[in-house]
Amino acid sequence: MAGSVFSVTHEPPVYWLCVLLAVPAFIGWILPYFVYRRLVDAKTRKVQPLIEAKQDEIYEVCEKGHALL
């Protein structure tokens, strides 16, 4: 991104270089969001069954404790 700014502020401005350098910069800003969302979704699908198993275990322990009272 910095290269595209420097190329457009150069005297005379080099617009083709500005566009050439700006396109990958914008892709570099946008692409990480989608990669992050995909990684979060994959991790959530992996961990969710473990969380549900622990919640079921806690529920059973609480039922046993309630039966003792």
Protein backbone atom coordinates (compact mmCIF):
# COMPACT_ATOMS: atom_id res chain seq x y z
CA MET A 1 0.00 0.00 0.00
CA ALA A 2 2.83 2.36 0.79
CA GLY A 3 4.34 1.77 -2.63
CA SER A 4 1.10 2.76 -4.33
CA VAL A 5 0.94 5.97 -2.30
CA PHE A 6 4.55 6.83 -3.11
CA SER A 7 4.01 6.15 -6.80
CA VAL A 8 1.00 8.48 -7.00
CA THR A 9 2.71 11.27 -5.04
CA HIS A 10 5.82 11.03 -7.22
CA GLU A 11 6.39 13.85 -9.68
CA PRO A 12 5.05 13.07 -12.30
CA PRO A 13 2.53 10.59 -10.82
CA VAL A 14 2.82 7.00 -12.00
CA TYR A 15 -0.84 5.95 -11.93
CA TRP A 16 -0.38 2.52 -13.48
CA LEU A 17 2.09 1.58 -10.75
CA CYS A 18 -0.28 2.93 -8.13
CA VAL A 19 -3.07 0.64 -9.35
CA LEU A 20 -0.69 -2.29 -9.76
CA LEU A 21 0.49 -1.99 -6.16
CA ALA A 22 -2.89 -1.10 -4.63
CA VAL A 23 -4.75 -4.18 -5.86
CA PRO A 24 -2.64 -6.70 -3.88
CA ALA A 25 -2.72 -4.37 -0.89
CA PHE A 26 -6.51 -4.30 -0.81
CA ILE A 27 -6.62 -8.06 -1.28
CA GLY A 28 -4.23 -8.31 1.67
CA TRP A 29 -6.67 -6.30 3.78
CA ILE A 30 -9.79 -8.21 2.76
CA LEU A 31 -8.57 -11.81 2.54
CA PRO A 32 -7.48 -12.24 6.19
CA TYR A 33 -11.05 -11.65 7.40
CA PHE A 34 -12.35 -14.61 5.40
CA VAL A 35 -9.42 -16.80 6.43
CA TYR A 36 -10.06 -15.91 10.08
CA ARG A 37 -13.79 -16.72 9.79
CA ARG A 38 -12.98 -20.10 8.22
CA LEU A 39 -10.48 -20.94 10.98
CA VAL A 40 -12.92 -19.92 13.71
CA ASP A 41 -15.69 -22.03 12.19
CA ALA A 42 -13.41 -25.06 11.90
CA LYS A 43 -12.22 -24.70 15.49
CA THR A 44 -15.80 -24.25 16.73
CA ARG A 45 -16.93 -27.43 14.97
CA LYS A 46 -14.00 -29.28 16.54
CA VAL A 47 -14.49 -28.03 20.12
CA GLN A 48 -18.31 -27.90 20.31
CA PRO A 49 -18.81 -31.65 20.96
CA LEU A 50 -16.29 -31.50 23.82
CA ILE A 51 -18.12 -28.56 25.39
CA GLU A 52 -21.47 -30.33 25.11
CA ALA A 53 -20.01 -33.49 26.68
CA LYS A 54 -18.72 -31.48 29.65
CA GLN A 55 -22.09 -29.75 30.05
CA ASP A 56 -23.84 -33.13 30.09
CA GLU A 57 -21.37 -34.35 32.69
CA ILE A 58 -22.00 -31.30 34.86
CA TYR A 59 -25.76 -31.77 34.50
CA GLU A 60 -25.51 -35.39 35.70
CA VAL A 61 -23.40 -34.38 38.70
CA CYS A 62 -25.92 -31.66 39.59
CA GLU A 63 -28.78 -34.17 39.32
CA LYS A 64 -26.97 -36.54 41.70
CA GLY A 65 -26.32 -33.69 44.12
CA HIS A 66 -29.98 -32.65 44.00
CA ALA A 67 -31.06 -36.25 44.69
CA LEU A 68 -28.88 -36.28 47.81
CA LEU A 69 -30.65 -33.23 49.22
